[in-house]
């Protein structure tokens, strides 16, 4: 089994309401250090920061390391709306 990172847009006042969700994973394990570890083939977001248009996603990799993925916030929102 492979665990991917996804993204969804939730209602600000009631986060139980999902407005939209990406149809494909935001990112998936592709590097050896994401594919091999205590739990293989796993990426799981842990936190984010936003610097201008750059969304930095800190994530766990195979339960052994920490990675950083970066995406354009505007592009992500365009895909979600």
Protein backbone atom coordinates (compact mmCIF):
# COMPACT_ATOMS: atom_id res chain seq x y z
CA UNK A 1 0.00 0.00 0.00
CA UNK A 2 1.20 3.52 -0.82
CA UNK A 3 0.23 6.59 1.23
CA UNK A 4 0.04 9.82 -0.76
CA UNK A 5 -0.40 13.45 0.32
CA UNK A 6 -3.66 15.06 -0.76
CA UNK A 7 -5.32 18.44 -0.43
CA UNK A 8 -8.87 19.53 0.25
CA UNK A 9 -10.63 22.87 0.65
CA UNK A 10 -12.83 23.01 3.76
CA UNK A 11 -15.47 25.50 4.85
CA UNK A 12 -13.86 28.10 7.13
CA UNK A 13 -16.83 28.30 9.53
CA UNK A 14 -17.60 24.58 9.50
CA UNK A 15 -14.55 22.47 8.59
CA UNK A 16 -16.73 19.36 8.53
CA UNK A 17 -17.95 20.61 5.14
CA UNK A 18 -15.64 19.71 2.27
CA UNK A 19 -15.86 22.21 -0.59
CA UNK A 20 -13.48 20.40 -2.94
CA UNK A 21 -10.65 17.88 -3.04
CA UNK A 22 -7.83 17.26 -5.51
CA UNK A 23 -8.60 14.34 -7.81
CA UNK A 24 -4.96 13.24 -7.76
CA UNK A 25 -2.38 13.19 -4.96
CA UNK A 26 -0.56 16.43 -4.23
CA UNK A 27 2.62 14.34 -4.03
CA UNK A 28 3.56 10.70 -3.59
CA UNK A 29 6.62 8.76 -2.44
CA UNK A 30 9.16 8.76 -5.26
CA UNK A 31 12.62 8.99 -3.68
CA UNK A 32 14.35 6.04 -2.01
CA UNK A 33 14.24 7.82 1.38
CA UNK A 34 10.44 8.12 1.02
CA UNK A 35 10.02 4.55 -0.15
CA UNK A 36 12.26 2.73 2.33
CA UNK A 37 12.17 3.14 6.09
CA UNK A 38 10.27 1.93 9.13
CA UNK A 39 7.04 2.05 7.08
CA UNK A 40 7.67 1.86 3.33
CA UNK A 41 5.99 4.02 0.64
CA UNK A 42 4.57 6.67 2.97
CA UNK A 43 4.49 10.48 2.86
CA UNK A 44 2.35 12.32 5.41
CA UNK A 45 2.11 16.11 5.78
CA UNK A 46 2.76 17.42 9.28
CA UNK A 47 2.75 21.21 8.88
CA UNK A 48 2.85 24.06 6.40
CA UNK A 49 4.11 27.60 6.08
CA UNK A 50 3.16 30.18 3.46
CA UNK A 51 5.82 32.57 2.17
CA UNK A 52 4.30 34.83 -0.50
CA UNK A 53 3.01 32.32 -3.09
CA UNK A 54 5.23 29.47 -1.86
CA UNK A 55 3.43 26.86 0.24
CA UNK A 56 6.05 24.81 2.09
CA UNK A 57 4.80 21.41 3.24
CA UNK A 58 6.85 19.61 5.89
CA UNK A 59 6.17 15.89 5.79
CA UNK A 60 7.23 12.57 7.23
CA UNK A 61 8.85 10.05 4.90
CA UNK A 62 8.58 6.31 5.49
CA UNK A 63 8.36 6.99 9.27
CA UNK A 64 12.10 7.62 9.27
CA UNK A 65 12.85 11.10 7.87
CA UNK A 66 11.37 14.56 7.34
CA UNK A 67 10.95 16.10 3.89
CA UNK A 68 9.95 19.46 2.45
CA UNK A 69 7.71 19.87 -0.59
CA UNK A 70 6.95 23.24 -2.14
CA UNK A 71 3.97 24.20 -4.32
CA UNK A 72 2.49 27.41 -5.62
CA UNK A 73 -0.41 28.39 -3.36
CA UNK A 74 -2.17 30.15 -6.25
CA UNK A 75 -1.89 27.06 -8.48
CA UNK A 76 -3.12 24.80 -5.69
CA UNK A 77 -6.13 27.04 -5.04
CA UNK A 78 -6.84 27.23 -8.79
CA UNK A 79 -7.02 23.41 -8.84
CA UNK A 80 -9.25 23.30 -5.77
CA UNK A 81 -11.76 25.98 -6.81
